């Protein structure tokens, strides 16, 4: 079995889903995860219609709907002017069985995938196994990982690097991670205060040259849900200042003033990158998810794009492993997924961030007028929704041979 199995580095949603899709086709898989258990990542949590469609055959989408939140309408707003455009995904209900965005935090998704993976034969997960080196020849790949028993070596036919933005796999095969890091960081704050009472849809993007905001309502154990707000942080502001109660309160009061202080559930700060690996494949090693591409979260393209990678790669690699296609088919995965990440994910997320942060009054007005025109015109609205929901990117993939 070791000579025919696929090794997957990373037990996040992309790695686990890749493994699940392969194991569902009777391909032996071994997942190596550096952490001791599934991680509790609070950042990603918005899913687009095509992503729900891709996960549905594995029973994942139905399970997600037990606890997640449907978001059929979302907004572009300006802090002073209010709502610029409210987008109604029912306009594309003829294109997808899931005409809405769907909110469920990443740490609630990974156990769903993990549970289904563990039900399958030929599937195994090793926690506490940190990849430190990769070697390959024409017939196999060898992965060295630090474990509690020391450095162990695992062999397989193929290796998928789905081990995040700091990917040890990508570094081991010496693939350049092209792009840039934004000078500002993001701070994410969660509260149970109901912003719906102020007219906010469960997903909204608020433009402001001094402090834009991205708003997401997430499911919570208590009634009413949890509202999560992302703000920009100046490059030179110390983390301890950003995360201080006084500064968090100042940002929240600037966003929506109220007489009482906000009760904050959690807060975190992180850097934001726009990067794409120069190569998604080197020999018997392939990259997917954050190991292959990173982007700012405005538009929710990152995790969704990673899940699209996982399904595409598992379908392609599954054919190769089962002897139904030659290895050259893997180059199609590279062409399709890298092209779409450059043309759609990178371009779209960069445009979204610049729209919210635009300082020039003329440019801001022109962009707002463009959004209003698109929202008012059924044909333009349809085009916008197909693009922003990633349906257009899926169609672009299908066009690449």
Protein backbone atom coordinates (compact mmCIF):
# COMPACT_ATOMS: atom_id res chain seq x y z
CA UNK A 1 0.00 0.00 0.00
CA UNK A 2 2.71 2.63 0.75
CA UNK A 3 3.90 2.51 -2.86
CA UNK A 4 0.41 3.26 -4.23
CA UNK A 5 -1.01 5.64 -1.64
CA UNK A 6 -1.28 9.41 -1.71
CA UNK A 7 0.18 11.34 1.20
CA UNK A 8 -1.58 14.59 2.08
CA UNK A 9 0.22 17.15 4.24
CA UNK A 10 -2.28 19.18 6.28
CA UNK A 11 -5.55 18.28 8.02
CA UNK A 12 -7.35 21.52 7.28
CA UNK A 13 -10.49 21.48 5.13
CA UNK A 14 -8.52 21.37 1.85
CA UNK A 15 -6.26 18.49 2.91
CA UNK A 16 -9.06 16.48 4.51
CA UNK A 17 -11.41 17.00 1.56
CA UNK A 18 -8.69 15.97 -0.91
CA UNK A 19 -8.14 12.82 1.14
CA UNK A 20 -11.87 12.12 1.44
CA UNK A 21 -12.49 12.49 -2.29
CA UNK A 22 -9.54 10.20 -3.10
CA UNK A 23 -10.44 7.58 -0.50
CA UNK A 24 -14.01 7.60 -1.82
CA UNK A 25 -12.52 6.37 -5.09
CA UNK A 26 -10.61 3.58 -3.30
CA UNK A 27 -7.29 5.41 -3.45
CA UNK A 28 -5.25 4.79 -0.24
CA UNK A 29 -4.50 8.05 1.60
CA UNK A 30 -2.43 9.11 4.60
CA UNK A 31 -2.88 12.60 6.05
CA UNK A 32 0.01 14.06 8.06
CA UNK A 33 -0.90 16.95 10.37
CA UNK A 34 1.66 18.93 12.36
CA UNK A 35 -0.74 19.82 15.17
CA UNK A 36 -1.90 17.38 17.84
CA UNK A 37 -5.55 17.71 16.79
CA UNK A 38 -7.80 19.53 14.34
CA UNK A 39 -7.10 23.26 14.60
CA UNK A 40 -9.56 25.90 15.82
CA UNK A 41 -9.25 28.43 12.97
CA UNK A 42 -11.69 31.35 13.36
CA UNK A 43 -11.00 33.24 10.15
CA UNK A 44 -12.65 31.60 7.14
CA UNK A 45 -16.34 30.82 7.25
CA UNK A 46 -18.22 31.97 4.12
CA UNK A 47 -19.08 29.42 1.45
CA UNK A 48 -20.22 30.16 -2.10
CA UNK A 49 -22.82 28.15 -4.07
CA UNK A 50 -20.37 26.10 -6.21
CA UNK A 51 -18.44 25.10 -3.09
CA UNK A 52 -21.61 23.75 -1.49
CA UNK A 53 -22.33 21.87 -4.71
CA UNK A 54 -18.87 20.29 -4.74
CA UNK A 55 -19.14 19.06 -1.15
CA UNK A 56 -22.73 17.83 -1.43
CA UNK A 57 -21.93 14.36 -2.89
CA UNK A 58 -19.99 13.52 0.28
CA UNK A 59 -22.85 14.45 2.62
CA UNK A 60 -20.91 17.45 3.92
CA UNK A 61 -23.24 20.18 2.69
CA UNK A 62 -26.32 18.63 4.29
CA UNK A 63 -24.47 18.32 7.59
CA UNK A 64 -23.29 21.94 7.40
CA UNK A 65 -26.89 23.07 7.04
CA UNK A 66 -27.73 21.67 10.47
CA UNK A 67 -25.89 24.54 12.18
CA UNK A 68 -24.87 27.14 9.59
CA UNK A 69 -26.59 30.32 8.42
CA UNK A 70 -27.99 30.95 4.93
CA UNK A 71 -27.20 34.43 3.60
CA UNK A 72 -29.40 35.05 0.53
CA UNK A 73 -28.73 38.82 0.53
CA UNK A 74 -25.55 40.78 1.22
CA UNK A 75 -24.55 44.42 1.03
CA UNK A 76 -22.04 46.94 -0.18
CA UNK A 77 -22.25 49.91 2.17
CA UNK A 78 -20.53 53.22 2.84
CA UNK A 79 -20.09 54.34 6.43
CA UNK A 80 -21.68 57.74 5.72
CA UNK A 81 -24.06 57.01 2.82
CA UNK A 82 -25.34 53.67 4.11
CA UNK A 83 -26.40 50.93 1.68
CA UNK A 84 -24.91 51.32 -1.81
CA UNK A 85 -26.20 48.00 -3.16
CA UNK A 86 -27.94 44.97 -1.69
CA UNK A 87 -27.33 41.82 -3.71
CA UNK A 88 -30.05 39.18 -3.92
CA UNK A 89 -28.76 35.74 -4.89
CA UNK A 90 -32.25 34.54 -5.76
CA UNK A 91 -31.53 36.25 -9.08
CA UNK A 92 -29.31 33.28 -9.94
CA UNK A 93 -31.51 30.55 -8.46
CA UNK A 94 -31.71 28.98 -11.92
CA UNK A 95 -27.93 28.46 -11.85
CA UNK A 96 -27.47 26.63 -8.54
CA UNK A 97 -29.44 24.66 -5.95
CA UNK A 98 -27.80 26.87 -3.30
CA UNK A 99 -28.67 30.50 -4.21
CA UNK A 100 -27.08 32.02 -1.12
CA UNK A 101 -23.83 32.48 0.71
CA UNK A 102 -23.48 30.15 3.66
CA UNK A 103 -21.78 30.93 6.98
CA UNK A 104 -20.11 28.27 9.08
CA UNK A 105 -16.71 28.75 10.67
CA UNK A 106 -13.88 26.60 9.39
CA UNK A 107 -13.35 24.86 12.72
CA UNK A 108 -16.93 23.55 12.47
CA UNK A 109 -16.35 22.22 8.96
CA UNK A 110 -13.17 20.20 9.51
CA UNK A 111 -14.74 17.74 12.01
CA UNK A 112 -17.53 17.04 9.51
CA UNK A 113 -15.02 16.10 6.80
CA UNK A 114 -12.77 14.24 9.26
CA UNK A 115 -15.66 12.10 10.49
CA UNK A 116 -16.51 10.99 6.96
CA UNK A 117 -12.88 10.32 6.11
CA UNK A 118 -12.43 8.06 9.10
CA UNK A 119 -15.34 5.88 7.97
CA UNK A 120 -13.50 4.88 4.80
CA UNK A 121 -11.04 2.00 4.37
CA UNK A 122 -7.51 2.86 3.23
CA UNK A 123 -7.71 6.26 4.98
CA UNK A 124 -5.51 7.25 7.92
CA UNK A 125 -4.59 10.49 9.69
CA UNK A 126 -1.44 11.00 11.76
CA UNK A 127 -1.56 13.99 14.09
CA UNK A 128 1.64 15.40 15.54
CA UNK A 129 3.55 14.68 12.33
CA UNK A 130 5.28 17.83 11.07
CA UNK A 131 6.72 17.59 7.56
CA UNK A 132 10.39 18.57 7.50
CA UNK A 133 11.67 17.22 4.19
CA UNK A 134 10.53 15.77 0.88
CA UNK A 135 12.40 13.59 -1.61
CA UNK A 136 11.19 11.99 -4.80
CA UNK A 137 12.25 9.93 -7.78
CA UNK A 138 10.46 8.78 -10.90
CA UNK A 139 8.29 6.25 -9.03
CA UNK A 140 7.65 7.47 -5.49
CA UNK A 141 7.85 10.31 -3.00
CA UNK A 142 9.30 10.13 0.50
CA UNK A 143 8.20 12.45 3.29
CA UNK A 144 10.18 12.95 6.49
CA UNK A 145 8.13 14.16 9.46
CA UNK A 146 8.91 15.00 13.07
CA UNK A 147 6.74 12.92 15.41
CA UNK A 148 6.74 12.11 19.12
CA UNK A 149 8.88 9.09 18.22
CA UNK A 150 11.44 11.19 16.37
CA UNK A 151 11.78 11.72 12.63
CA UNK A 152 9.78 9.14 10.66
CA UNK A 153 9.71 8.57 6.93
CA UNK A 154 6.52 7.92 4.97
CA UNK A 155 6.44 6.75 1.36
CA UNK A 156 3.77 7.01 -1.28
CA UNK A 157 3.13 7.45 -4.96
CA UNK A 158 2.13 11.12 -4.68
CA UNK A 159 2.24 13.96 -2.17
CA UNK A 160 -0.31 16.76 -1.89
CA UNK A 161 0.89 19.84 0.01
CA UNK A 162 -2.19 21.35 1.66
CA UNK A 163 -0.28 22.54 4.71
CA UNK A 164 -1.10 26.24 4.69
CA UNK A 165 0.53 29.51 3.80
CA UNK A 166 3.84 28.58 5.46
CA UNK A 167 3.78 25.24 3.64
CA UNK A 168 6.74 23.03 4.51
CA UNK A 169 6.01 21.03 1.37
CA UNK A 170 6.22 24.08 -0.90
CA UNK A 171 9.47 25.12 0.74
CA UNK A 172 10.92 21.61 0.53
CA UNK A 173 10.38 21.47 -3.24
CA UNK A 174 11.69 25.04 -3.56
CA UNK A 175 8.72 26.60 -5.31
CA UNK A 176 8.64 30.40 -5.20
CA UNK A 177 5.59 32.03 -3.59
CA UNK A 178 5.10 35.07 -5.79
CA UNK A 179 3.20 38.19 -4.77
CA UNK A 180 3.16 40.60 -1.84
CA UNK A 181 2.05 41.19 1.74
CA UNK A 182 -0.31 44.08 2.46
CA UNK A 183 1.28 46.72 4.73
CA UNK A 184 -1.83 46.92 6.91
CA UNK A 185 -2.95 43.97 9.01
CA UNK A 186 -6.48 42.88 9.86
CA UNK A 187 -8.01 42.73 13.32
CA UNK A 188 -11.10 40.54 13.75
CA UNK A 189 -13.50 41.21 16.62
CA UNK A 190 -16.53 39.12 17.63
CA UNK A 191 -19.55 40.21 19.64
CA UNK A 192 -23.12 39.05 20.18
CA UNK A 193 -24.45 42.56 19.64
CA UNK A 194 -27.05 42.39 16.85
CA UNK A 195 -26.03 44.62 13.93
CA UNK A 196 -29.10 43.41 12.07
CA UNK A 197 -31.02 45.97 14.14
CA UNK A 198 -29.04 48.64 12.24
CA UNK A 199 -29.99 47.25 8.83
CA UNK A 200 -26.94 45.09 8.24
CA UNK A 201 -27.40 41.85 6.32
CA UNK A 202 -25.44 38.87 7.76
CA UNK A 203 -22.66 39.71 5.31
CA UNK A 204 -21.78 43.30 4.48
CA UNK A 205 -18.76 45.29 3.32
CA UNK A 206 -18.54 48.88 4.58
CA UNK A 207 -16.35 51.33 2.67
CA UNK A 208 -14.49 54.03 4.59
CA UNK A 209 -11.07 55.54 3.77
CA UNK A 210 -10.10 55.64 7.45
CA UNK A 211 -11.62 52.40 8.75
CA UNK A 212 -13.47 50.12 6.37
CA UNK A 213 -15.17 47.04 7.83
CA UNK A 214 -16.25 43.56 6.76
CA UNK A 215 -19.25 42.14 8.63
CA UNK A 216 -20.19 38.47 9.05
CA UNK A 217 -22.84 36.86 11.21
CA UNK A 218 -21.81 33.38 12.35
CA UNK A 219 -23.75 30.60 14.10
CA UNK A 220 -23.29 30.38 17.86
CA UNK A 221 -24.41 28.12 20.67
CA UNK A 222 -26.58 30.92 22.05
CA UNK A 223 -29.59 32.44 20.22
CA UNK A 224 -28.88 35.41 18.00
CA UNK A 225 -25.58 34.22 16.61
CA UNK A 226 -22.18 35.87 16.73
CA UNK A 227 -21.24 38.94 14.70
CA UNK A 228 -17.66 39.10 13.48
CA UNK A 229 -16.17 42.39 12.23
CA UNK A 230 -12.83 42.80 10.43
CA UNK A 231 -11.03 46.16 10.45
CA UNK A 232 -7.73 47.35 8.94
CA UNK A 233 -4.79 48.08 11.24
CA UNK A 234 -2.11 50.67 10.33
CA UNK A 235 1.29 49.22 9.52
CA UNK A 236 3.03 50.96 12.43
CA UNK A 237 0.46 50.21 15.15
CA UNK A 238 1.81 47.78 17.78
CA UNK A 239 -0.20 44.60 18.28
CA UNK A 240 -0.60 45.26 21.98
CA UNK A 241 -2.25 48.60 21.19
CA UNK A 242 -4.54 47.07 18.54
CA UNK A 243 -5.72 44.33 20.87
CA UNK A 244 -6.08 46.53 23.96
CA UNK A 245 -9.67 46.85 25.27
CA UNK A 246 -9.60 50.62 24.75
CA UNK A 247 -8.56 50.41 21.10
CA UNK A 248 -11.01 47.60 20.31
CA UNK A 249 -13.79 49.67 21.88
CA UNK A 250 -12.72 52.77 19.91
CA UNK A 251 -12.92 50.88 16.62
CA UNK A 252 -16.27 49.34 17.46
CA UNK A 253 -17.77 52.69 18.51
CA UNK A 254 -16.49 54.30 15.30
CA UNK A 255 -18.16 51.50 13.34
CA UNK A 256 -21.57 51.67 15.08
CA UNK A 257 -21.78 54.12 18.03
CA UNK A 258 -23.84 53.03 21.02
CA UNK A 259 -24.25 54.19 24.62
CA UNK A 260 -23.00 50.96 26.19
CA UNK A 261 -19.57 49.39 25.67
CA UNK A 262 -19.37 46.31 23.48
CA UNK A 263 -19.05 42.87 25.05
CA UNK A 264 -16.24 41.24 23.07
CA UNK A 265 -16.13 37.47 22.71
CA UNK A 266 -12.73 37.22 21.03
CA UNK A 267 -10.25 39.25 19.02
CA UNK A 268 -7.26 38.42 16.87
CA UNK A 269 -4.86 40.10 14.47
CA UNK A 270 -3.11 38.71 11.41
CA UNK A 271 -1.13 39.67 8.33
CA UNK A 272 -2.73 39.50 4.90
CA UNK A 273 -0.99 38.21 1.77
CA UNK A 274 -1.62 38.09 -1.97
CA UNK A 275 0.55 35.27 -3.29
CA UNK A 276 0.43 32.45 -5.83
CA UNK A 277 2.95 29.63 -6.12
CA UNK A 278 4.91 29.82 -9.34
CA UNK A 279 4.28 26.09 -9.83
CA UNK A 280 1.42 23.95 -8.49
CA UNK A 281 3.23 20.74 -9.40
CA UNK A 282 6.79 19.57 -9.24
CA UNK A 283 7.11 15.91 -10.22
CA UNK A 284 5.10 13.80 -7.80
CA UNK A 285 4.31 16.70 -5.50
CA UNK A 286 1.24 18.92 -5.95
CA UNK A 287 0.08 22.01 -4.06
CA UNK A 288 -3.45 23.01 -3.08
CA UNK A 289 -5.22 25.58 -0.90
CA UNK A 290 -3.19 28.13 1.05
CA UNK A 291 0.01 26.24 0.22
CA UNK A 292 -0.62 27.23 -3.41
CA UNK A 293 -2.27 30.64 -3.06
CA UNK A 294 -3.13 33.27 -0.46
CA UNK A 295 -5.39 36.31 -0.73
CA UNK A 296 -7.14 38.86 1.46
CA UNK A 297 -10.54 37.60 2.70
CA UNK A 298 -12.75 40.29 1.13
CA UNK A 299 -15.02 38.30 -1.14
CA UNK A 300 -14.45 34.98 0.62
CA UNK A 301 -12.42 33.49 -2.22
CA UNK A 302 -9.58 31.85 -0.28
CA UNK A 303 -11.09 28.82 1.44
CA UNK A 304 -13.60 28.41 -1.38
CA UNK A 305 -10.80 28.41 -3.94
CA UNK A 306 -8.93 25.85 -1.84
CA UNK A 307 -11.94 23.54 -1.75
CA UNK A 308 -12.25 23.90 -5.53
CA UNK A 309 -8.57 22.88 -5.73
CA UNK A 310 -9.26 19.82 -3.57
CA UNK A 311 -12.13 18.49 -5.68
CA UNK A 312 -10.37 19.21 -8.98
CA UNK A 313 -7.14 17.60 -7.79
CA UNK A 314 -8.83 14.55 -6.28
CA UNK A 315 -10.76 13.92 -9.49
CA UNK A 316 -7.61 14.28 -11.59
CA UNK A 317 -5.22 12.43 -9.30
CA UNK A 318 -7.85 9.75 -8.70
CA UNK A 319 -7.94 9.00 -12.42
CA UNK A 320 -4.15 8.76 -12.49
CA UNK A 321 -3.92 6.53 -9.40
CA UNK A 322 -6.58 4.16 -10.74
CA UNK A 323 -4.79 3.86 -14.09
CA UNK A 324 -7.60 5.61 -15.94
CA UNK A 325 -5.39 8.47 -17.17
CA UNK A 326 -1.73 9.27 -17.67
CA UNK A 327 0.29 11.51 -15.37
CA UNK A 328 0.12 14.36 -17.88
CA UNK A 329 -3.50 14.87 -16.77
CA UNK A 330 -2.11 16.47 -13.61
CA UNK A 331 -0.80 19.33 -15.70
CA UNK A 332 -4.41 20.18 -16.51
CA UNK A 333 -5.05 20.64 -12.77
CA UNK A 334 -2.13 23.09 -12.71
CA UNK A 335 -3.35 25.01 -15.75
CA UNK A 336 -6.92 25.23 -14.51
CA UNK A 337 -6.41 26.06 -10.87
CA UNK A 338 -3.42 28.42 -11.23
CA UNK A 339 -5.08 30.35 -14.06
CA UNK A 340 -8.30 30.84 -12.11
CA UNK A 341 -6.42 31.88 -8.97
CA UNK A 342 -4.56 34.58 -10.87
CA UNK A 343 -7.51 35.78 -12.98
CA UNK A 344 -10.33 35.54 -10.42
CA UNK A 345 -9.18 35.06 -6.83
CA UNK A 346 -6.24 37.46 -6.82
CA UNK A 347 -7.76 40.09 -9.08
CA UNK A 348 -11.17 40.00 -7.38
CA UNK A 349 -9.95 40.12 -3.79
CA UNK A 350 -7.50 42.95 -4.52
CA UNK A 351 -10.26 44.95 -6.24
CA UNK A 352 -12.61 44.36 -3.29
CA UNK A 353 -10.09 45.65 -0.76
CA UNK A 354 -9.24 48.71 -2.82
CA UNK A 355 -12.94 49.53 -3.24
CA UNK A 356 -13.44 49.62 0.54
CA UNK A 357 -10.27 51.61 1.25
CA UNK A 358 -10.41 54.08 -1.67
CA UNK A 359 -9.49 57.60 -0.50
CA UNK A 360 -10.02 59.58 -3.69
CA UNK A 361 -13.58 61.03 -3.61
CA UNK A 362 -13.97 60.89 -7.38
CA UNK A 363 -12.85 57.28 -7.60
CA UNK A 364 -15.12 56.33 -4.69
CA UNK A 365 -18.13 57.96 -6.34
CA UNK A 366 -17.39 56.28 -9.68
CA UNK A 367 -17.17 52.85 -8.04
CA UNK A 368 -20.37 53.38 -6.03
CA UNK A 369 -22.20 54.55 -9.15
CA UNK A 370 -21.00 51.44 -10.97
CA UNK A 371 -22.31 49.19 -8.18
CA UNK A 372 -25.66 50.99 -8.11
CA UNK A 373 -26.04 50.65 -11.89
CA UNK A 374 -25.20 46.96 -11.76
CA UNK A 375 -27.67 46.33 -8.94
CA UNK A 376 -30.47 48.14 -10.77
CA UNK A 377 -29.96 46.38 -14.11
CA UNK A 378 -31.08 42.70 -14.10
CA UNK A 379 -28.50 41.62 -16.67
CA UNK A 380 -25.61 43.45 -15.00
CA UNK A 381 -26.71 42.20 -11.60
CA UNK A 382 -26.73 38.65 -12.89
CA UNK A 383 -23.20 39.03 -14.27
CA UNK A 384 -22.01 40.51 -10.98
CA UNK A 385 -23.56 37.70 -8.93
CA UNK A 386 -22.14 34.98 -11.15
CA UNK A 387 -18.70 36.54 -10.70
CA UNK A 388 -18.89 37.24 -6.97
CA UNK A 389 -20.39 33.80 -6.20
CA UNK A 390 -17.49 32.07 -8.06
CA UNK A 391 -19.82 30.41 -10.56
CA UNK A 392 -17.99 32.30 -13.32
CA UNK A 393 -14.63 30.98 -12.10
CA UNK A 394 -15.94 27.39 -12.20
CA UNK A 395 -17.02 27.97 -15.79
CA UNK A 396 -13.60 29.41 -16.60
CA UNK A 397 -11.96 26.25 -15.24
CA UNK A 398 -14.17 24.11 -17.48
CA UNK A 399 -12.98 26.08 -20.50
CA UNK A 400 -9.30 25.25 -19.89
CA UNK A 401 -8.24 21.98 -21.50
